[in-house]
Amino acid sequence: MIFETIQDIISKQLGIEKSAILPESNLLTDLDADSIEAVEIIMSIEDEFGVEIPEDSIENIVTVQDLIDFIEGQAE
């Protein structure tokens, strides 16, 4: 569920097929997001899941799985 929602957000933001977005996909190198797009993705995910990702955590979010792990950690 979390993964599919993140896939939807990234797909819309970057204009790419959801099937191209895997948990191990690197946002910048694999999905070709630039820094502005990455920030927009983070903001959309914060809005969707009702969480706030601190700036010091953002630098550690490199892959889609990192986003999933962060969201799951907030739900605990």
PDB file of N, CA and C in Angstrom:
ATOM      1  N   MET A   1       0.819  -1.192   0.000  1.00  0.00           N
ATOM      2  CA  MET A   1       0.000   0.000   0.000  1.00  0.00           C
ATOM      3  C   MET A   1       0.868   1.263   0.000  1.00  0.00           C
ATOM      4  N   ILE A   2       1.808   1.333   0.930  1.00  0.00           N
ATOM      5  CA  ILE A   2       2.701   2.501   0.979  1.00  0.00           C
ATOM      6  C   ILE A   2       3.493   2.600  -0.317  1.00  0.00           C
ATOM      7  N   PHE A   3       4.031   1.455  -0.761  1.00  0.00           N
ATOM      8  CA  PHE A   3       4.842   1.459  -1.990  1.00  0.00           C
ATOM      9  C   PHE A   3       4.020   1.937  -3.183  1.00  0.00           C
ATOM     10  N   GLU A   4       2.791   1.425  -3.304  1.00  0.00           N
ATOM     11  CA  GLU A   4       1.958   1.803  -4.443  1.00  0.00           C
ATOM     12  C   GLU A   4       1.627   3.300  -4.427  1.00  0.00           C
ATOM     13  N   THR A   5       1.388   3.836  -3.246  1.00  0.00           N
ATOM     14  CA  THR A   5       1.097   5.264  -3.130  1.00  0.00           C
ATOM     15  C   THR A   5       2.319   6.093  -3.509  1.00  0.00           C
ATOM     16  N   ILE A   6       3.485   5.675  -3.040  1.00  0.00           N
ATOM     17  CA  ILE A   6       4.725   6.371  -3.397  1.00  0.00           C
ATOM     18  C   ILE A   6       4.981   6.256  -4.895  1.00  0.00           C
ATOM     19  N   GLN A   7       4.716   5.086  -5.461  1.00  0.00           N
ATOM     20  CA  GLN A   7       4.848   4.903  -6.918  1.00  0.00           C
ATOM     21  C   GLN A   7       3.970   5.907  -7.658  1.00  0.00           C
ATOM     22  N   ASP A   8       2.717   6.039  -7.221  1.00  0.00           N
ATOM     23  CA  ASP A   8       1.790   6.974  -7.865  1.00  0.00           C
ATOM     24  C   ASP A   8       2.329   8.398  -7.822  1.00  0.00           C
ATOM     25  N   ILE A   9       2.804   8.812  -6.658  1.00  0.00           N
ATOM     26  CA  ILE A   9       3.317  10.176  -6.489  1.00  0.00           C
ATOM     27  C   ILE A   9       4.513  10.411  -7.407  1.00  0.00           C
ATOM     28  N   ILE A  10       5.471   9.488  -7.384  1.00  0.00           N
ATOM     29  CA  ILE A  10       6.681   9.651  -8.206  1.00  0.00           C
ATOM     30  C   ILE A  10       6.332   9.624  -9.683  1.00  0.00           C
ATOM     31  N   SER A  11       5.433   8.729 -10.067  1.00  0.00           N
ATOM     32  CA  SER A  11       5.016   8.617 -11.462  1.00  0.00           C
ATOM     33  C   SER A  11       4.427   9.932 -11.961  1.00  0.00           C
ATOM     34  N   LYS A  12       3.551  10.525 -11.159  1.00  0.00           N
ATOM     35  CA  LYS A  12       2.928  11.799 -11.544  1.00  0.00           C
ATOM     36  C   LYS A  12       3.951  12.933 -11.583  1.00  0.00           C
ATOM     37  N   GLN A  13       4.826  12.989 -10.577  1.00  0.00           N
ATOM     38  CA  GLN A  13       5.808  14.080 -10.489  1.00  0.00           C
ATOM     39  C   GLN A  13       6.818  14.034 -11.632  1.00  0.00           C
ATOM     40  N   LEU A  14       7.251  12.820 -11.979  1.00  0.00           N
ATOM     41  CA  LEU A  14       8.326  12.684 -12.976  1.00  0.00           C
ATOM     42  C   LEU A  14       7.815  12.317 -14.366  1.00  0.00           C
ATOM     43  N   GLY A  15       6.528  11.985 -14.470  1.00  0.00           N
ATOM     44  CA  GLY A  15       5.972  11.619 -15.767  1.00  0.00           C
ATOM     45  C   GLY A  15       6.537  10.316 -16.305  1.00  0.00           C
ATOM     46  N   ILE A  16       6.751   9.350 -15.405  1.00  0.00           N
ATOM     47  CA  ILE A  16       7.266   8.054 -15.845  1.00  0.00           C
ATOM     48  C   ILE A  16       6.282   6.952 -15.453  1.00  0.00           C
ATOM     49  N   GLU A  17       6.419   5.798 -16.111  1.00  0.00           N
ATOM     50  CA  GLU A  17       5.549   4.660 -15.830  1.00  0.00           C
ATOM     51  C   GLU A  17       5.784   4.140 -14.423  1.00  0.00           C
ATOM     52  N   LYS A  18       4.696   3.745 -13.762  1.00  0.00           N
ATOM     53  CA  LYS A  18       4.833   3.186 -12.409  1.00  0.00           C
ATOM     54  C   LYS A  18       5.700   1.935 -12.412  1.00  0.00           C
ATOM     55  N   SER A  19       5.644   1.164 -13.494  1.00  0.00           N
ATOM     56  CA  SER A  19       6.416  -0.080 -13.563  1.00  0.00           C
ATOM     57  C   SER A  19       7.925   0.170 -13.540  1.00  0.00           C
ATOM     58  N   ALA A  20       8.343   1.398 -13.851  1.00  0.00           N
ATOM     59  CA  ALA A  20       9.772   1.743 -13.842  1.00  0.00           C
ATOM     60  C   ALA A  20      10.262   2.090 -12.442  1.00  0.00           C
ATOM     61  N   ILE A  21       9.332   2.184 -11.490  1.00  0.00           N
ATOM     62  CA  ILE A  21       9.675   2.599 -10.128  1.00  0.00           C
ATOM     63  C   ILE A  21       9.682   1.370  -9.228  1.00  0.00           C
ATOM     64  N   LEU A  22      10.864   1.000  -8.782  1.00  0.00           N
ATOM     65  CA  LEU A  22      11.047  -0.172  -7.932  1.00  0.00           C
ATOM     66  C   LEU A  22      11.529   0.272  -6.558  1.00  0.00           C
ATOM     67  N   PRO A  23      11.368  -0.583  -5.528  1.00  0.00           N
ATOM     68  CA  PRO A  23      11.863  -0.188  -4.199  1.00  0.00           C
ATOM     69  C   PRO A  23      13.346   0.194  -4.199  1.00  0.00           C
ATOM     70  N   GLU A  24      14.140  -0.499  -5.000  1.00  0.00           N
ATOM     71  CA  GLU A  24      15.576  -0.224  -5.016  1.00  0.00           C
ATOM     72  C   GLU A  24      15.972   0.932  -5.932  1.00  0.00           C
ATOM     73  N   SER A  25      15.005   1.551  -6.595  1.00  0.00           N
ATOM     74  CA  SER A  25      15.302   2.658  -7.504  1.00  0.00           C
ATOM     75  C   SER A  25      15.857   3.856  -6.740  1.00  0.00           C
ATOM     76  N   ASN A  26      16.976   4.379  -7.236  1.00  0.00           N
ATOM     77  CA  ASN A  26      17.570   5.593  -6.691  1.00  0.00           C
ATOM     78  C   ASN A  26      16.825   6.774  -7.318  1.00  0.00           C
ATOM     79  N   LEU A  27      16.341   7.669  -6.486  1.00  0.00           N
ATOM     80  CA  LEU A  27      15.540   8.782  -6.988  1.00  0.00           C
ATOM     81  C   LEU A  27      16.288   9.642  -8.000  1.00  0.00           C
ATOM     82  N   LEU A  28      17.556   9.901  -7.735  1.00  0.00           N
ATOM     83  CA  LEU A  28      18.307  10.804  -8.599  1.00  0.00           C
ATOM     84  C   LEU A  28      18.933  10.108  -9.797  1.00  0.00           C
ATOM     85  N   THR A  29      19.558   8.952  -9.576  1.00  0.00           N
ATOM     86  CA  THR A  29      20.278   8.322 -10.687  1.00  0.00           C
ATOM     87  C   THR A  29      19.398   7.396 -11.525  1.00  0.00           C
ATOM     88  N   ASP A  30      18.542   6.600 -10.881  1.00  0.00           N
ATOM     89  CA  ASP A  30      17.717   5.661 -11.642  1.00  0.00           C
ATOM     90  C   ASP A  30      16.477   6.318 -12.237  1.00  0.00           C
ATOM     91  N   LEU A  31      15.882   7.229 -11.493  1.00  0.00           N
ATOM     92  CA  LEU A  31      14.620   7.846 -11.930  1.00  0.00           C
ATOM     93  C   LEU A  31      14.823   9.242 -12.522  1.00  0.00           C
ATOM     94  N   ASP A  32      16.069   9.693 -12.556  1.00  0.00           N
ATOM     95  CA  ASP A  32      16.436  10.981 -13.164  1.00  0.00           C
ATOM     96  C   ASP A  32      15.706  12.191 -12.584  1.00  0.00           C
ATOM     97  N   ALA A  33      15.418  12.137 -11.286  1.00  0.00           N
ATOM     98  CA  ALA A  33      14.820  13.306 -10.628  1.00  0.00           C
ATOM     99  C   ALA A  33      15.932  14.312 -10.351  1.00  0.00           C
ATOM    100  N   ASP A  34      15.658  15.588 -10.623  1.00  0.00           N
ATOM    101  CA  ASP A  34      16.639  16.594 -10.221  1.00  0.00           C
ATOM    102  C   ASP A  34      16.319  16.996  -8.775  1.00  0.00           C
ATOM    103  N   SER A  35      17.114  17.870  -8.214  1.00  0.00           N
ATOM    104  CA  SER A  35      16.951  18.192  -6.797  1.00  0.00           C
ATOM    105  C   SER A  35      15.598  18.852  -6.512  1.00  0.00           C
ATOM    106  N   ILE A  36      15.119  19.671  -7.422  1.00  0.00           N
ATOM    107  CA  ILE A  36      13.819  20.316  -7.227  1.00  0.00           C
ATOM    108  C   ILE A  36      12.703  19.280  -7.276  1.00  0.00           C
ATOM    109  N   GLU A  37      12.771  18.366  -8.232  1.00  0.00           N
ATOM    110  CA  GLU A  37      11.763  17.305  -8.318  1.00  0.00           C
ATOM    111  C   GLU A  37      11.791  16.421  -7.079  1.00  0.00           C
ATOM    112  N   ALA A  38      12.982  16.144  -6.574  1.00  0.00           N
ATOM    113  CA  ALA A  38      13.101  15.316  -5.369  1.00  0.00           C
ATOM    114  C   ALA A  38      12.425  15.998  -4.189  1.00  0.00           C
ATOM    115  N   VAL A  39      12.608  17.310  -4.051  1.00  0.00           N
ATOM    116  CA  VAL A  39      11.957  18.057  -2.973  1.00  0.00           C
ATOM    117  C   VAL A  39      10.438  18.028  -3.150  1.00  0.00           C
ATOM    118  N   GLU A  40       9.968  18.165  -4.388  1.00  0.00           N
ATOM    119  CA  GLU A  40       8.529  18.125  -4.651  1.00  0.00           C
ATOM    120  C   GLU A  40       7.953  16.749  -4.308  1.00  0.00           C
ATOM    121  N   ILE A  41       8.699  15.693  -4.597  1.00  0.00           N
ATOM    122  CA  ILE A  41       8.268  14.340  -4.254  1.00  0.00           C
ATOM    123  C   ILE A  41       8.162  14.206  -2.739  1.00  0.00           C
ATOM    124  N   ILE A  42       9.183  14.667  -2.029  1.00  0.00           N
ATOM    125  CA  ILE A  42       9.185  14.604  -0.562  1.00  0.00           C
ATOM    126  C   ILE A  42       7.978  15.369  -0.005  1.00  0.00           C
ATOM    127  N   MET A  43       7.713  16.557  -0.530  1.00  0.00           N
ATOM    128  CA  MET A  43       6.592  17.361  -0.046  1.00  0.00           C
ATOM    129  C   MET A  43       5.259  16.661  -0.308  1.00  0.00           C
ATOM    130  N   SER A  44       5.119  16.054  -1.457  1.00  0.00           N
ATOM    131  CA  SER A  44       3.886  15.332  -1.783  1.00  0.00           C
ATOM    132  C   SER A  44       3.692  14.135  -0.860  1.00  0.00           C
ATOM    133  N   ILE A  45       4.786  13.443  -0.563  1.00  0.00           N
ATOM    134  CA  ILE A  45       4.718  12.285   0.334  1.00  0.00           C
ATOM    135  C   ILE A  45       4.364  12.734   1.751  1.00  0.00           C
ATOM    136  N   GLU A  46       4.939  13.851   2.187  1.00  0.00           N
ATOM    137  CA  GLU A  46       4.598  14.390   3.510  1.00  0.00           C
ATOM    138  C   GLU A  46       3.098  14.695   3.583  1.00  0.00           C
ATOM    139  N   ASP A  47       2.565  15.332   2.548  1.00  0.00           N
ATOM    140  CA  ASP A  47       1.138  15.671   2.514  1.00  0.00           C
ATOM    141  C   ASP A  47       0.273  14.413   2.503  1.00  0.00           C
ATOM    142  N   GLU A  48       0.640  13.462   1.665  1.00  0.00           N
ATOM    143  CA  GLU A  48      -0.153  12.245   1.504  1.00  0.00           C
ATOM    144  C   GLU A  48      -0.228  11.422   2.788  1.00  0.00           C
ATOM    145  N   PHE A  49       0.907  11.297   3.470  1.00  0.00           N
ATOM    146  CA  PHE A  49       0.968  10.427   4.646  1.00  0.00           C
ATOM    147  C   PHE A  49       0.853  11.183   5.974  1.00  0.00           C
ATOM    148  N   GLY A  50       0.774  12.524   5.909  1.00  0.00           N
ATOM    149  CA  GLY A  50       0.630  13.307   7.127  1.00  0.00           C
ATOM    150  C   GLY A  50       1.848  13.222   8.035  1.00  0.00           C
ATOM    151  N   VAL A  51       3.025  13.187   7.422  1.00  0.00           N
ATOM    152  CA  VAL A  51       4.272  13.134   8.186  1.00  0.00           C
ATOM    153  C   VAL A  51       5.142  14.319   7.802  1.00  0.00           C
ATOM    154  N   GLU A  52       6.150  14.567   8.617  1.00  0.00           N
ATOM    155  CA  GLU A  52       7.148  15.573   8.276  1.00  0.00           C
ATOM    156  C   GLU A  52       8.496  14.892   8.263  1.00  0.00           C
ATOM    157  N   ILE A  53       9.189  15.019   7.144  1.00  0.00           N
ATOM    158  CA  ILE A  53      10.509  14.416   7.018  1.00  0.00           C
ATOM    159  C   ILE A  53      11.527  15.509   7.335  1.00  0.00           C
ATOM    160  N   PRO A  54      12.219  15.385   8.480  1.00  0.00           N
ATOM    161  CA  PRO A  54      13.204  16.415   8.861  1.00  0.00           C
ATOM    162  C   PRO A  54      14.330  16.527   7.825  1.00  0.00           C
ATOM    163  N   GLU A  55      14.866  17.730   7.695  1.00  0.00           N
ATOM    164  CA  GLU A  55      15.917  17.967   6.700  1.00  0.00           C
ATOM    165  C   GLU A  55      17.103  17.026   6.874  1.00  0.00           C
ATOM    166  N   ASP A  56      17.458  16.715   8.132  1.00  0.00           N
ATOM    167  CA  ASP A  56      18.608  15.831   8.333  1.00  0.00           C
ATOM    168  C   ASP A  56      18.285  14.397   7.912  1.00  0.00           C
ATOM    169  N   SER A  57      17.017  14.042   7.826  1.00  0.00           N
ATOM    170  CA  SER A  57      16.634  12.714   7.339  1.00  0.00           C
ATOM    171  C   SER A  57      16.569  12.676   5.819  1.00  0.00           C
ATOM    172  N   ILE A  58      16.235  13.803   5.217  1.00  0.00           N
ATOM    173  CA  ILE A  58      16.102  13.848   3.754  1.00  0.00           C
ATOM    174  C   ILE A  58      17.395  13.446   3.070  1.00  0.00           C
ATOM    175  N   GLU A  59      18.535  13.884   3.602  1.00  0.00           N
ATOM    176  CA  GLU A  59      19.811  13.554   2.953  1.00  0.00           C
ATOM    177  C   GLU A  59      20.106  12.055   2.992  1.00  0.00           C
ATOM    178  N   ASN A  60      19.436  11.314   3.890  1.00  0.00           N
ATOM    179  CA  ASN A  60      19.628   9.866   3.960  1.00  0.00           C
ATOM    180  C   ASN A  60      18.633   9.096   3.100  1.00  0.00           C
ATOM    181  N   ILE A  61      17.691   9.798   2.491  1.00  0.00           N
ATOM    182  CA  ILE A  61      16.701   9.145   1.631  1.00  0.00           C
ATOM    183  C   ILE A  61      17.221   9.188   0.203  1.00  0.00           C
ATOM    184  N   VAL A  62      17.641   8.028  -0.259  1.00  0.00           N
ATOM    185  CA  VAL A  62      18.247   7.923  -1.586  1.00  0.00           C
ATOM    186  C   VAL A  62      17.371   7.086  -2.510  1.00  0.00           C
ATOM    187  N   THR A  63      16.777   6.028  -1.957  1.00  0.00           N
ATOM    188  CA  THR A  63      15.987   5.111  -2.764  1.00  0.00           C
ATOM    189  C   THR A  63      14.502   5.184  -2.385  1.00  0.00           C
ATOM    190  N   VAL A  64      13.682   4.583  -3.217  1.00  0.00           N
ATOM    191  CA  VAL A  64      12.256   4.477  -2.920  1.00  0.00           C
ATOM    192  C   VAL A  64      12.067   3.695  -1.616  1.00  0.00           C
ATOM    193  N   GLN A  65      12.879   2.659  -1.407  1.00  0.00           N
ATOM    194  CA  GLN A  65      12.777   1.867  -0.176  1.00  0.00           C
ATOM    195  C   GLN A  65      13.071   2.719   1.053  1.00  0.00           C
ATOM    196  N   ASP A  66      13.991   3.664   0.928  1.00  0.00           N
ATOM    197  CA  ASP A  66      14.272   4.574   2.046  1.00  0.00           C
ATOM    198  C   ASP A  66      13.013   5.362   2.431  1.00  0.00           C
ATOM    199  N   LEU A  67      12.253   5.790   1.426  1.00  0.00           N
ATOM    200  CA  LEU A  67      10.994   6.494   1.690  1.00  0.00           C
ATOM    201  C   LEU A  67       9.999   5.578   2.388  1.00  0.00           C
ATOM    202  N   ILE A  68       9.876   4.350   1.892  1.00  0.00           N
ATOM    203  CA  ILE A  68       8.960   3.365   2.478  1.00  0.00           C
ATOM    204  C   ILE A  68       9.337   3.127   3.942  1.00  0.00           C
ATOM    205  N   ASP A  69      10.619   2.915   4.190  1.00  0.00           N
ATOM    206  CA  ASP A  69      11.094   2.648   5.555  1.00  0.00           C
ATOM    207  C   ASP A  69      10.792   3.817   6.485  1.00  0.00           C
ATOM    208  N   PHE A  70      10.986   5.047   5.981  1.00  0.00           N
ATOM    209  CA  PHE A  70      10.716   6.219   6.808  1.00  0.00           C
ATOM    210  C   PHE A  70       9.233   6.293   7.160  1.00  0.00           C
ATOM    211  N   ILE A  71       8.359   6.127   6.180  1.00  0.00           N
ATOM    212  CA  ILE A  71       6.909   6.190   6.409  1.00  0.00           C
ATOM    213  C   ILE A  71       6.497   5.104   7.405  1.00  0.00           C
ATOM    214  N   GLU A  72       6.991   3.880   7.207  1.00  0.00           N
ATOM    215  CA  GLU A  72       6.656   2.777   8.111  1.00  0.00           C
ATOM    216  C   GLU A  72       7.142   3.063   9.530  1.00  0.00           C
ATOM    217  N   GLY A  73       8.301   3.690   9.656  1.00  0.00           N
ATOM    218  CA  GLY A  73       8.841   4.045  10.965  1.00  0.00           C
ATOM    219  C   GLY A  73       7.993   5.080  11.676  1.00  0.00           C
ATOM    220  N   GLN A  74       7.345   5.956  10.921  1.00  0.00           N
ATOM    221  CA  GLN A  74       6.486   6.986  11.511  1.00  0.00           C
ATOM    222  C   GLN A  74       5.158   6.399  11.992  1.00  0.00           C
ATOM    223  N   ALA A  75       4.761   5.279  11.404  1.00  0.00           N
ATOM    224  CA  ALA A  75       3.475   4.666  11.756  1.00  0.00           C
ATOM    225  C   ALA A  75       3.561   3.860  13.052  1.00  0.00           C
ATOM    226  N   GLU A  76       4.778   3.558  13.501  1.00  0.00           N
ATOM    227  CA  GLU A  76       4.949   2.728  14.689  1.00  0.00           C
ATOM    228  C   GLU A  76       4.689   3.491  15.977  1.00  0.00           C
TER     229      GLU A  76
END
